């Protein structure tokens, strides 16, 4: 078995494992039980949950798929710019879809 991904938490590890399995790559999660004792043991790449690929010949493909998975989870940087509410003029960061001041929809939201 070969480690291909160190996850932030068990949920992240299982999402990646499921993604790999949906592409026909047999993978397992290791180290998720140590997550329960965080604070008692240091959280390092050795103690965080990790995804392991069972078959060596699938490692390269698994890493490519994981890179694809991580890119798909990143915000769209082309559309990530601050916006001004057309109703009240309040400035907002790009992750907000509605004005927090007056509730009006942001650009592209109707």
N, C-alpha and C. Protein backbone atom coordinates (compact mmCIF):
# COMPACT_ATOMS: atom_id res chain seq x y z
N UNK A 1 0.84 -1.18 0.00
CA UNK A 1 0.00 0.00 0.00
C UNK A 1 0.88 1.24 0.00
N UNK A 2 0.32 2.32 -0.60
CA UNK A 2 1.08 3.56 -0.74
C UNK A 2 0.22 4.75 -0.34
N UNK A 3 0.79 5.61 0.52
CA UNK A 3 0.08 6.80 0.95
C UNK A 3 0.07 7.81 -0.20
N UNK A 4 -1.12 8.33 -0.51
CA UNK A 4 -1.23 9.28 -1.61
C UNK A 4 -1.81 10.63 -1.18
N UNK A 5 -2.35 10.71 0.04
CA UNK A 5 -3.00 11.95 0.47
C UNK A 5 -3.05 12.00 1.99
N UNK A 6 -2.68 13.16 2.55
CA UNK A 6 -2.84 13.41 3.98
C UNK A 6 -3.99 14.39 4.12
N UNK A 7 -5.01 13.99 4.86
CA UNK A 7 -6.24 14.78 4.96
C UNK A 7 -6.22 15.70 6.17
N UNK A 8 -7.06 16.71 6.12
CA UNK A 8 -7.21 17.62 7.25
C UNK A 8 -8.01 16.99 8.38
N UNK A 9 -8.92 16.07 8.02
CA UNK A 9 -9.77 15.41 9.01
C UNK A 9 -10.34 14.14 8.38
N UNK A 10 -10.98 13.29 9.18
CA UNK A 10 -11.50 12.03 8.64
C UNK A 10 -12.51 12.22 7.49
N UNK A 11 -13.35 13.22 7.58
CA UNK A 11 -14.32 13.46 6.50
C UNK A 11 -13.61 13.71 5.18
N UNK A 12 -12.61 14.56 5.20
CA UNK A 12 -11.82 14.85 4.00
C UNK A 12 -11.20 13.57 3.45
N UNK A 13 -10.65 12.74 4.33
CA UNK A 13 -10.03 11.48 3.91
C UNK A 13 -11.05 10.57 3.24
N UNK A 14 -12.24 10.47 3.80
CA UNK A 14 -13.26 9.59 3.22
C UNK A 14 -13.81 10.15 1.90
N UNK A 15 -13.89 11.47 1.78
CA UNK A 15 -14.32 12.06 0.51
C UNK A 15 -13.33 11.73 -0.60
N UNK A 16 -12.04 11.86 -0.30
CA UNK A 16 -11.02 11.54 -1.30
C UNK A 16 -11.03 10.05 -1.62
N UNK A 17 -11.18 9.22 -0.61
CA UNK A 17 -11.25 7.77 -0.83
C UNK A 17 -12.42 7.43 -1.74
N UNK A 18 -13.57 8.00 -1.47
CA UNK A 18 -14.75 7.77 -2.31
C UNK A 18 -14.55 8.25 -3.73
N UNK A 19 -13.87 9.40 -3.88
CA UNK A 19 -13.58 9.93 -5.21
C UNK A 19 -12.69 8.95 -5.98
N UNK A 20 -11.65 8.44 -5.31
CA UNK A 20 -10.76 7.48 -5.97
C UNK A 20 -11.52 6.20 -6.33
N UNK A 21 -12.32 5.71 -5.40
CA UNK A 21 -13.08 4.48 -5.65
C UNK A 21 -14.07 4.66 -6.80
N UNK A 22 -14.63 5.86 -6.95
CA UNK A 22 -15.54 6.11 -8.06
C UNK A 22 -14.83 6.07 -9.40
N UNK A 23 -13.51 6.14 -9.37
CA UNK A 23 -12.69 6.04 -10.58
C UNK A 23 -11.99 4.67 -10.67
N UNK A 24 -12.44 3.73 -9.86
CA UNK A 24 -11.93 2.37 -9.95
C UNK A 24 -10.63 2.11 -9.23
N UNK A 25 -10.24 2.99 -8.32
CA UNK A 25 -8.99 2.80 -7.58
C UNK A 25 -9.33 2.38 -6.16
N UNK A 26 -8.82 1.23 -5.75
CA UNK A 26 -9.08 0.72 -4.40
C UNK A 26 -8.21 1.48 -3.40
N UNK A 27 -8.87 2.11 -2.43
CA UNK A 27 -8.16 2.94 -1.44
C UNK A 27 -8.78 2.75 -0.07
N UNK A 28 -7.99 3.02 0.97
CA UNK A 28 -8.48 2.94 2.34
C UNK A 28 -8.01 4.17 3.11
N UNK A 29 -8.67 4.42 4.24
CA UNK A 29 -8.28 5.50 5.14
C UNK A 29 -7.55 4.87 6.32
N UNK A 30 -6.42 5.44 6.66
CA UNK A 30 -5.68 5.03 7.85
C UNK A 30 -5.48 6.24 8.75
N UNK A 31 -5.43 5.99 10.05
CA UNK A 31 -5.11 7.05 11.00
C UNK A 31 -6.28 7.87 11.48
N UNK A 32 -7.50 7.51 11.09
CA UNK A 32 -8.63 8.33 11.52
C UNK A 32 -8.91 8.21 13.01
N UNK A 33 -8.53 7.10 13.62
CA UNK A 33 -8.78 6.96 15.06
C UNK A 33 -7.89 7.89 15.88
N UNK A 34 -6.72 8.23 15.35
CA UNK A 34 -5.85 9.17 16.06
C UNK A 34 -6.43 10.58 16.08
N UNK A 35 -7.32 10.88 15.14
CA UNK A 35 -7.92 12.20 15.09
C UNK A 35 -8.72 12.48 16.36
N UNK A 36 -9.26 11.43 16.96
CA UNK A 36 -10.06 11.58 18.18
C UNK A 36 -9.22 12.06 19.37
N UNK A 37 -7.92 11.83 19.31
CA UNK A 37 -7.06 12.24 20.44
C UNK A 37 -6.22 13.47 20.09
N UNK A 38 -6.67 14.24 19.10
CA UNK A 38 -5.93 15.47 18.78
C UNK A 38 -5.90 16.35 20.03
N UNK A 39 -4.80 16.97 20.22
CA UNK A 39 -4.59 17.73 21.45
C UNK A 39 -3.77 16.93 22.44
N UNK A 40 -3.93 15.62 22.41
CA UNK A 40 -3.13 14.73 23.25
C UNK A 40 -1.86 14.30 22.51
N UNK A 41 -1.98 14.17 21.20
CA UNK A 41 -0.82 13.87 20.35
C UNK A 41 -0.72 14.98 19.32
N UNK A 42 0.49 15.29 18.88
CA UNK A 42 0.61 16.36 17.88
C UNK A 42 0.01 15.94 16.54
N UNK A 43 -0.62 16.88 15.86
CA UNK A 43 -1.18 16.60 14.53
C UNK A 43 -0.10 16.87 13.49
N UNK A 44 0.44 15.81 12.96
CA UNK A 44 1.47 15.89 11.93
C UNK A 44 1.03 15.03 10.76
N UNK A 45 1.82 15.03 9.70
CA UNK A 45 1.49 14.19 8.55
C UNK A 45 1.50 12.72 8.92
N UNK A 46 2.17 12.37 10.00
CA UNK A 46 2.19 10.98 10.44
C UNK A 46 0.97 10.60 11.28
N UNK A 47 0.31 11.59 11.88
CA UNK A 47 -0.83 11.27 12.76
C UNK A 47 -2.18 11.72 12.20
N UNK A 48 -2.18 12.51 11.14
CA UNK A 48 -3.44 12.90 10.52
C UNK A 48 -3.99 11.75 9.69
N UNK A 49 -5.31 11.73 9.46
CA UNK A 49 -5.87 10.69 8.60
C UNK A 49 -5.25 10.77 7.20
N UNK A 50 -5.02 9.63 6.61
CA UNK A 50 -4.39 9.59 5.29
C UNK A 50 -5.10 8.57 4.41
N UNK A 51 -5.00 8.81 3.11
CA UNK A 51 -5.56 7.90 2.12
C UNK A 51 -4.42 7.07 1.53
N UNK A 52 -4.65 5.78 1.51
CA UNK A 52 -3.65 4.84 0.99
C UNK A 52 -4.26 4.06 -0.17
N UNK A 53 -3.49 3.92 -1.24
CA UNK A 53 -3.92 3.15 -2.40
C UNK A 53 -3.38 1.73 -2.24
N UNK A 54 -4.24 0.77 -2.50
CA UNK A 54 -3.91 -0.64 -2.27
C UNK A 54 -2.92 -1.17 -3.31
N UNK A 55 -3.13 -0.83 -4.57
CA UNK A 55 -2.30 -1.40 -5.64
C UNK A 55 -1.27 -0.39 -6.14
N UNK A 56 -0.02 -0.79 -6.15
CA UNK A 56 1.08 0.10 -6.54
C UNK A 56 0.91 0.67 -7.94
N UNK A 57 0.37 -0.11 -8.85
CA UNK A 57 0.24 0.36 -10.23
C UNK A 57 -0.82 1.47 -10.38
N UNK A 58 -1.58 1.75 -9.34
CA UNK A 58 -2.60 2.79 -9.41
C UNK A 58 -2.17 4.09 -8.73
N UNK A 59 -0.97 4.12 -8.17
CA UNK A 59 -0.53 5.29 -7.39
C UNK A 59 -0.45 6.55 -8.25
N UNK A 60 0.18 6.49 -9.40
CA UNK A 60 0.33 7.68 -10.24
C UNK A 60 -1.03 8.23 -10.66
N UNK A 61 -1.91 7.33 -11.08
CA UNK A 61 -3.26 7.77 -11.49
C UNK A 61 -4.02 8.36 -10.31
N UNK A 62 -3.86 7.76 -9.14
CA UNK A 62 -4.53 8.28 -7.94
C UNK A 62 -4.06 9.69 -7.62
N UNK A 63 -2.78 9.94 -7.74
CA UNK A 63 -2.25 11.28 -7.46
C UNK A 63 -2.77 12.30 -8.47
N UNK A 64 -2.89 11.90 -9.73
CA UNK A 64 -3.46 12.79 -10.74
C UNK A 64 -4.92 13.12 -10.40
N UNK A 65 -5.68 12.10 -10.01
CA UNK A 65 -7.08 12.31 -9.65
C UNK A 65 -7.21 13.20 -8.42
N UNK A 66 -6.32 13.03 -7.45
CA UNK A 66 -6.36 13.85 -6.25
C UNK A 66 -6.08 15.31 -6.59
N UNK A 67 -5.11 15.54 -7.49
CA UNK A 67 -4.85 16.92 -7.94
C UNK A 67 -6.09 17.51 -8.60
N UNK A 68 -6.77 16.72 -9.41
CA UNK A 68 -8.02 17.16 -10.06
C UNK A 68 -9.08 17.47 -9.01
N UNK A 69 -9.20 16.60 -8.01
CA UNK A 69 -10.17 16.78 -6.93
C UNK A 69 -9.88 18.08 -6.18
N UNK A 70 -8.62 18.34 -5.85
CA UNK A 70 -8.27 19.55 -5.11
C UNK A 70 -8.54 20.80 -5.95
N UNK A 71 -8.25 20.75 -7.24
CA UNK A 71 -8.54 21.90 -8.12
C UNK A 71 -10.04 22.17 -8.20
N UNK A 72 -10.85 21.11 -8.21
CA UNK A 72 -12.29 21.29 -8.30
C UNK A 72 -12.88 21.90 -7.03
N UNK A 73 -12.18 21.79 -5.92
CA UNK A 73 -12.67 22.31 -4.65
C UNK A 73 -12.20 23.75 -4.40
N UNK A 74 -11.31 24.26 -5.23
CA UNK A 74 -10.82 25.63 -5.07
C UNK A 74 -11.84 26.61 -5.62
N UNK A 75 -11.95 27.78 -5.01
CA UNK A 75 -12.86 28.79 -5.56
C UNK A 75 -12.40 29.20 -6.96
N UNK A 76 -13.32 29.59 -7.80
CA UNK A 76 -13.01 30.04 -9.15
C UNK A 76 -12.30 31.38 -9.06
N UNK A 77 -10.98 31.37 -9.26
CA UNK A 77 -10.20 32.59 -9.08
C UNK A 77 -10.50 33.64 -10.15
N UNK A 78 -11.04 33.22 -11.31
CA UNK A 78 -11.38 34.19 -12.35
C UNK A 78 -12.53 35.09 -11.94
N UNK A 79 -13.45 34.57 -11.16
CA UNK A 79 -14.62 35.35 -10.74
C UNK A 79 -14.52 35.84 -9.31
N UNK A 80 -13.36 35.71 -8.70
CA UNK A 80 -13.20 36.06 -7.30
C UNK A 80 -12.73 37.52 -7.17
N UNK A 81 -13.69 38.42 -7.20
CA UNK A 81 -13.35 39.82 -6.97
C UNK A 81 -14.41 40.44 -6.06
N UNK A 82 -13.98 41.41 -5.25
CA UNK A 82 -14.94 42.07 -4.36
C UNK A 82 -16.05 42.73 -5.17
N UNK A 83 -17.20 42.89 -4.54
CA UNK A 83 -18.32 43.53 -5.23
C UNK A 83 -19.02 44.52 -4.31
N UNK A 84 -19.71 45.46 -4.93
CA UNK A 84 -20.43 46.52 -4.21
C UNK A 84 -21.92 46.28 -4.39
N UNK A 85 -22.67 46.31 -3.30
CA UNK A 85 -24.11 46.10 -3.34
C UNK A 85 -24.77 47.20 -4.18
N UNK A 86 -25.57 46.80 -5.18
CA UNK A 86 -26.24 47.80 -6.02
C UNK A 86 -27.35 48.57 -5.27
N UNK A 87 -27.81 48.02 -4.15
CA UNK A 87 -28.91 48.65 -3.40
C UNK A 87 -28.41 49.65 -2.37
N UNK A 88 -27.47 49.20 -1.51
CA UNK A 88 -27.02 50.07 -0.41
C UNK A 88 -25.57 50.54 -0.53
N UNK A 89 -24.82 49.97 -1.47
CA UNK A 89 -23.44 50.41 -1.67
C UNK A 89 -22.41 49.74 -0.77
N UNK A 90 -22.81 48.78 0.03
CA UNK A 90 -21.88 48.08 0.94
C UNK A 90 -20.88 47.25 0.13
N UNK A 91 -19.61 47.27 0.53
CA UNK A 91 -18.56 46.48 -0.11
C UNK A 91 -18.54 45.07 0.47
N UNK A 92 -18.32 44.05 -0.40
CA UNK A 92 -18.32 42.66 0.02
C UNK A 92 -17.16 41.89 -0.58
N UNK A 93 -16.70 40.89 0.14
CA UNK A 93 -15.70 39.97 -0.38
C UNK A 93 -16.39 39.02 -1.37
N UNK A 94 -15.64 38.42 -2.28
CA UNK A 94 -16.25 37.62 -3.35
C UNK A 94 -17.02 36.38 -2.89
N UNK A 95 -16.72 35.84 -1.71
CA UNK A 95 -17.41 34.62 -1.27
C UNK A 95 -18.86 34.86 -0.86
N UNK A 96 -19.26 36.13 -0.67
CA UNK A 96 -20.62 36.44 -0.26
C UNK A 96 -21.53 36.55 -1.48
N UNK A 97 -22.70 35.92 -1.40
CA UNK A 97 -23.64 35.96 -2.52
C UNK A 97 -24.75 36.98 -2.29
N UNK A 98 -24.96 37.39 -1.06
CA UNK A 98 -25.97 38.39 -0.73
C UNK A 98 -25.35 39.46 0.16
N UNK A 99 -25.91 40.64 0.08
CA UNK A 99 -25.45 41.74 0.92
C UNK A 99 -25.79 41.45 2.38
N UNK A 100 -24.82 41.54 3.24
CA UNK A 100 -25.08 41.28 4.65
C UNK A 100 -25.80 42.46 5.29
N UNK A 101 -25.72 43.63 4.67
CA UNK A 101 -26.34 44.84 5.22
C UNK A 101 -27.85 44.89 4.92
N UNK A 102 -28.21 44.68 3.64
CA UNK A 102 -29.62 44.84 3.26
C UNK A 102 -30.26 43.57 2.70
N UNK A 103 -29.45 42.54 2.44
CA UNK A 103 -29.99 41.27 1.95
C UNK A 103 -30.16 41.18 0.44
N UNK A 104 -29.82 42.24 -0.29
CA UNK A 104 -29.95 42.22 -1.74
C UNK A 104 -29.00 41.18 -2.35
N UNK A 105 -29.42 40.53 -3.45
CA UNK A 105 -28.53 39.55 -4.09
C UNK A 105 -27.32 40.21 -4.73
N UNK A 106 -26.21 39.51 -4.70
CA UNK A 106 -24.99 40.01 -5.31
C UNK A 106 -24.98 39.78 -6.81
N UNK A 107 -23.87 40.13 -7.46
CA UNK A 107 -23.77 39.97 -8.91
C UNK A 107 -23.94 38.50 -9.32
N UNK A 108 -24.72 38.25 -10.32
CA UNK A 108 -24.94 36.88 -10.80
C UNK A 108 -25.94 36.09 -9.97
N UNK A 109 -26.53 36.71 -8.93
CA UNK A 109 -27.53 36.02 -8.08
C UNK A 109 -28.84 36.78 -8.20
N UNK A 110 -29.85 36.07 -8.56
CA UNK A 110 -31.15 36.75 -8.68
C UNK A 110 -32.20 36.02 -7.88
